[in-house]
Protein backbone atom coordinates (compact mmCIF):
# COMPACT_ATOMS: atom_id res chain seq x y z
CA MET A 1 -30.28 20.43 -9.85
CA PHE A 2 -28.16 18.81 -7.15
CA ARG A 3 -25.67 16.30 -8.45
CA PRO A 4 -24.78 13.24 -6.36
CA SER A 5 -21.23 12.79 -5.12
CA GLU A 6 -18.78 12.42 -7.95
CA PHE A 7 -16.37 9.52 -8.28
CA HIS A 8 -12.79 10.36 -7.40
CA ARG A 9 -9.85 7.96 -7.61
CA SER A 10 -8.33 9.33 -4.42
CA HIS A 11 -11.14 7.58 -2.53
CA HIS A 12 -9.27 4.33 -3.21
CA THR A 13 -5.96 5.52 -1.76
CA ASN A 14 -5.92 3.52 1.49
CA TRP A 15 -6.96 0.09 0.29
CA LEU A 16 -5.34 0.40 -3.15
CA ARG A 17 -1.91 1.19 -1.69
CA ALA A 18 -2.08 -1.70 0.78
CA ALA A 19 -3.46 -4.16 -1.78
CA VAL A 20 -0.96 -3.32 -4.52
CA LEU A 21 1.98 -3.32 -2.11
CA GLY A 22 0.91 -6.64 -0.60
CA ALA A 23 0.26 -8.43 -3.89
CA ASN A 24 3.43 -7.07 -5.48
CA ASP A 25 5.54 -8.11 -2.51
CA GLY A 26 3.86 -11.52 -2.44
CA ILE A 27 4.69 -12.21 -6.08
CA VAL A 28 8.21 -10.80 -6.07
CA SER A 29 9.43 -12.18 -2.74
CA THR A 30 7.91 -15.65 -3.14
CA ALA A 31 8.95 -16.01 -6.78
CA SER A 32 12.46 -14.80 -5.96
CA LEU A 33 12.69 -17.21 -3.04
CA ILE A 34 11.54 -20.14 -5.19
CA VAL A 35 13.89 -19.22 -8.03
CA GLY A 36 16.82 -18.85 -5.64
CA VAL A 37 16.17 -22.20 -3.94
CA ALA A 38 15.60 -23.94 -7.28
CA ALA A 39 18.84 -22.48 -8.64
CA ALA A 40 20.70 -24.18 -5.78
CA ASN A 41 19.72 -27.58 -7.29
CA THR A 42 17.48 -28.62 -4.38
CA THR A 43 14.59 -31.09 -4.41
CA HIS A 44 11.05 -30.24 -5.49
CA GLU A 45 9.82 -30.73 -1.92
CA THR A 46 12.39 -28.27 -0.58
CA ILE A 47 11.39 -25.70 -3.19
CA LEU A 48 7.71 -25.99 -2.25
CA LEU A 49 8.41 -25.95 1.49
CA SER A 50 10.52 -22.81 1.07
CA GLY A 51 7.76 -21.15 -0.95
CA ILE A 52 5.04 -22.00 1.59
CA ALA A 53 7.17 -20.82 4.50
CA GLY A 54 7.96 -17.61 2.63
CA MET A 55 4.28 -17.00 1.91
CA ILE A 56 3.21 -17.46 5.55
CA ALA A 57 6.09 -15.44 6.97
CA GLY A 58 5.65 -12.69 4.38
CA ALA A 59 1.90 -12.37 4.97
CA MET A 60 2.39 -12.07 8.72
CA SER A 61 5.24 -9.60 8.24
CA MET A 62 3.15 -7.44 5.90
CA ALA A 63 0.21 -7.47 8.32
CA ALA A 64 2.39 -6.58 11.30
CA GLY A 65 4.29 -3.89 9.41
CA GLU A 66 1.16 -2.23 8.04
CA TYR A 67 -0.60 -2.39 11.41
CA VAL A 68 2.30 -0.81 13.28
CA SER A 69 2.91 1.81 10.60
CA VAL A 70 -0.71 2.86 10.18
CA SER A 71 -1.31 2.70 13.94
CA SER A 72 1.48 5.23 14.38
CA GLN A 73 -0.26 7.46 11.84
CA ALA A 74 -3.58 6.99 13.66
CA ASP A 75 -1.94 7.88 16.98
CA THR A 76 -0.52 11.05 15.45
CA GLU A 77 -3.92 12.01 14.04
CA SER A 78 -5.60 11.35 17.39
CA ALA A 79 -3.02 13.47 19.22
CA ASP A 80 -3.45 16.32 16.74
CA LEU A 81 -7.24 16.19 17.06
CA ALA A 82 -7.04 16.16 20.86
CA ARG A 83 -4.76 19.20 20.81
CA GLU A 84 -7.04 20.99 18.37
CA LYS A 85 -10.07 20.20 20.53
CA LEU A 86 -8.32 21.71 23.56
CA GLU A 87 -7.35 24.84 21.64
CA LEU A 88 -10.93 25.27 20.43
CA ALA A 89 -12.17 25.04 24.02
CA THR A 90 -9.62 27.49 25.41
CA ASP A 91 -8.87 29.95 22.59
CA GLN A 92 -11.83 30.19 20.23
CA GLU A 93 -10.95 33.66 18.94
CA ASN A 94 -7.48 32.76 17.68
CA GLU A 95 -8.73 29.48 16.26
CA LEU A 96 -11.34 31.41 14.28
CA LYS A 97 -8.64 33.77 13.00
CA GLU A 98 -6.49 30.80 12.07
CA LEU A 99 -9.30 29.26 10.05
CA THR A 100 -10.03 32.61 8.40
CA HIS A 101 -6.39 32.99 7.29
CA ILE A 102 -6.46 29.49 5.83
CA TYR A 103 -9.41 30.44 3.61
CA ILE A 104 -7.80 33.74 2.66
CA GLY A 105 -4.74 31.78 1.58
CA ARG A 106 -6.98 29.65 -0.62
CA GLY A 107 -8.27 32.67 -2.49
CA LEU A 108 -11.29 33.99 -0.60
CA THR A 109 -11.61 37.66 0.26
CA PRO A 110 -11.07 38.48 3.96
CA ASP A 111 -14.77 39.18 4.57
CA LEU A 112 -15.95 36.03 2.83
CA ALA A 113 -13.23 33.97 4.50
CA HIS A 114 -14.38 35.22 7.89
CA GLN A 115 -18.02 34.39 7.10
CA VAL A 116 -17.09 30.89 5.97
CA ALA A 117 -14.93 30.34 9.05
CA VAL A 118 -17.74 31.48 11.35
CA GLN A 119 -20.35 29.27 9.70
CA LEU A 120 -18.15 26.19 9.61
CA THR A 121 -17.12 26.75 13.22
CA GLU A 122 -20.76 26.93 14.26
CA HIS A 123 -21.55 23.79 12.27
CA ASP A 124 -18.54 21.64 13.26
CA ALA A 125 -15.49 23.47 14.53
CA LEU A 126 -13.31 20.41 15.09
CA GLY A 127 -14.25 18.93 11.73
CA ALA A 128 -13.39 22.17 9.95
CA HIS A 129 -9.97 22.43 11.62
CA ALA A 130 -9.26 18.72 11.12
CA ARG A 131 -10.02 18.97 7.41
CA ASP A 132 -8.67 22.40 6.49
CA GLU A 133 -5.83 22.86 8.99
CA LEU A 134 -4.62 19.31 9.63
CA GLY A 135 -5.66 17.66 6.37
CA ILE A 136 -7.47 14.82 8.16
CA THR A 137 -10.65 13.55 6.53
CA GLU A 138 -12.65 10.34 6.79
CA ILE A 139 -11.35 9.25 3.38
CA VAL A 140 -7.65 9.50 4.23
CA SER A 141 -7.72 8.86 7.97
CA ALA A 142 -5.59 5.94 9.14
CA LYS A 143 -7.29 2.54 9.52
CA PRO A 144 -4.68 0.12 10.93
CA LEU A 145 -6.72 -3.10 10.93
CA GLN A 146 -8.02 -2.53 7.41
CA ALA A 147 -4.50 -1.91 6.10
CA ALA A 148 -3.10 -4.98 7.92
CA LEU A 149 -5.77 -7.39 6.70
CA THR A 150 -5.68 -6.02 3.16
CA SER A 151 -1.90 -6.32 2.95
CA ALA A 152 -1.82 -9.86 4.38
CA ALA A 153 -4.61 -11.07 2.09
CA ALA A 154 -3.09 -9.41 -0.97
CA PHE A 155 0.37 -10.83 -0.15
CA SER A 156 -1.08 -14.34 0.17
CA VAL A 157 -2.93 -14.09 -3.14
CA GLY A 158 0.17 -12.76 -4.86
CA ALA A 159 2.39 -15.46 -3.32
CA LEU A 160 0.04 -18.24 -4.43
CA LEU A 161 0.70 -17.50 -8.11
CA PRO A 162 4.41 -18.46 -8.22
CA LEU A 163 3.79 -21.16 -5.60
CA LEU A 164 1.17 -22.88 -7.75
CA ALA A 165 3.41 -22.57 -10.78
CA ALA A 166 6.17 -24.35 -8.85
CA PHE A 167 3.76 -27.01 -7.56
CA PHE A 168 2.60 -28.04 -11.03
CA THR A 169 6.03 -27.80 -12.67
CA ALA A 170 8.83 -30.32 -12.95
CA THR A 171 11.90 -29.42 -10.93
CA ASP A 172 14.10 -28.72 -13.94
CA LYS A 173 11.50 -26.32 -15.39
CA THR A 174 10.73 -24.52 -12.13
CA ILE A 175 12.89 -21.44 -12.65
CA ILE A 176 11.68 -20.55 -16.14
CA LEU A 177 7.97 -21.23 -15.54
CA VAL A 178 7.88 -19.50 -12.15
CA ALA A 179 9.66 -16.51 -13.66
CA ILE A 180 7.24 -16.30 -16.61
CA THR A 181 4.16 -16.74 -14.39
CA SER A 182 5.40 -14.13 -11.94
CA LEU A 183 6.29 -11.56 -14.58
CA LEU A 184 2.91 -11.96 -16.27
CA SER A 185 1.21 -11.62 -12.88
CA LEU A 186 3.25 -8.50 -12.09
CA ALA A 187 2.38 -7.01 -15.46
CA GLY A 188 -1.31 -7.67 -14.82
CA LEU A 189 -1.08 -6.18 -11.32
CA GLY A 190 0.69 -3.10 -12.64
CA ALA A 191 -1.94 -2.63 -15.33
CA VAL A 192 -4.86 -3.01 -12.91
CA ALA A 193 -3.30 -0.68 -10.33
CA ALA A 194 -2.59 1.93 -13.00
CA LYS A 195 -6.10 1.64 -14.42
CA VAL A 196 -7.77 2.03 -11.02
CA GLY A 197 -5.44 4.87 -10.07
CA GLY A 198 -5.86 6.66 -13.39
CA ALA A 199 -2.16 6.39 -14.29
CA ASN A 200 -0.44 5.35 -17.50
CA ILE A 201 -0.84 1.57 -17.87
CA TYR A 202 2.50 1.01 -19.61
CA VAL A 203 4.36 2.92 -16.91
CA GLY A 204 2.58 0.86 -14.24
CA ILE A 205 3.53 -2.41 -15.96
CA THR A 206 7.15 -1.38 -16.52
CA ARG A 207 7.92 -0.29 -12.97
CA VAL A 208 6.59 -3.47 -11.31
CA THR A 209 8.09 -5.93 -13.78
CA PHE A 210 11.50 -4.24 -13.69
CA TRP A 211 11.91 -4.81 -9.96
CA GLY A 212 10.53 -8.32 -10.29
CA VAL A 213 13.15 -9.21 -12.92
CA LEU A 214 15.92 -7.66 -10.85
CA ALA A 215 14.90 -9.56 -7.70
CA MET A 216 14.64 -12.94 -9.43
CA ILE A 217 17.95 -12.54 -11.25
CA SER A 218 19.65 -11.61 -7.97
CA THR A 219 18.31 -14.61 -6.04
CA ALA A 220 19.00 -16.95 -8.99
CA ILE A 221 22.66 -15.89 -9.00
CA ILE A 222 22.95 -16.31 -5.22
CA GLY A 223 21.20 -19.68 -5.37
CA ARG A 224 23.44 -20.89 -8.18
CA LEU A 225 26.58 -19.83 -6.30
CA PHE A 226 25.36 -21.48 -3.10
CA GLY A 227 24.52 -24.67 -4.98
CA ALA A 228 27.95 -24.73 -6.59
CA MET A 229 29.69 -24.31 -3.21
CA THR A 230 27.72 -27.10 -1.52
CA SER A 231 27.85 -29.60 -4.39
C-alpha cells in the first residue's frame, strides 16, 4: 500500500533558521542594549527609547540582511539552472552521461543508472539535474521575501520581551529583571528550536543562553564605565 509523504525535519530548514536567528538576535541585542543603557545610570525614558529604537533598527537590519543574502543565493540558483538548461539543449548526450555517473556514484549498477537517467530525463530533465547535480529542490530553494519577513517578525517578537520587562520595571530593577526575562526567553527559544529540529534540548538551551549572558555582561560593563566617566 502506498504511504503518504513522511514528515522530515529538514522541511523546516528555511523558515526555522530565519525565525530562530531573528528571535535570538531580537532578545540578545535589545536586552543587551537596555542593560548597557541602564548600567550608565540613565532615566527610564531613555532606557525605553533606546530599546524601541534598537528594536526598529534591528528588525529592519535583519530583514534587509536576509533579503540581500537569500537573494544572492536565489540569483546563483537561477544562473545555475539557466546554464543547465542551455547545456541540456545543446549537449544532451553528455548531460545524460553526467546524470548516469551521478547515479553510479550513489550505488546503482551502470545499466540501472543509465535506465534511471534516461527515464528521469524524459520525465523532467532540468528537474533531475537541478535536484541530483546541483542539489536544488523546492524545499531548500532560496525564498528572499519569506526569509526577510520571517526574520523581521521574529526579531520584533524577540525584542518585545526585554522591552516589556523594562517598561513594567522600576529603573533600579531594570538590569536584573531584563536579564532574567531575556535568559528565560532564550532558554525557551533554544528548547523549542532544538525540539523542532530534532536536536538535544539541553544543548540548544546552553548555546543560546551562553551568548546571551556574554552579550549582556559586556554591555553592562561598557555602560557602567560610560556612566562613571560622564557622572
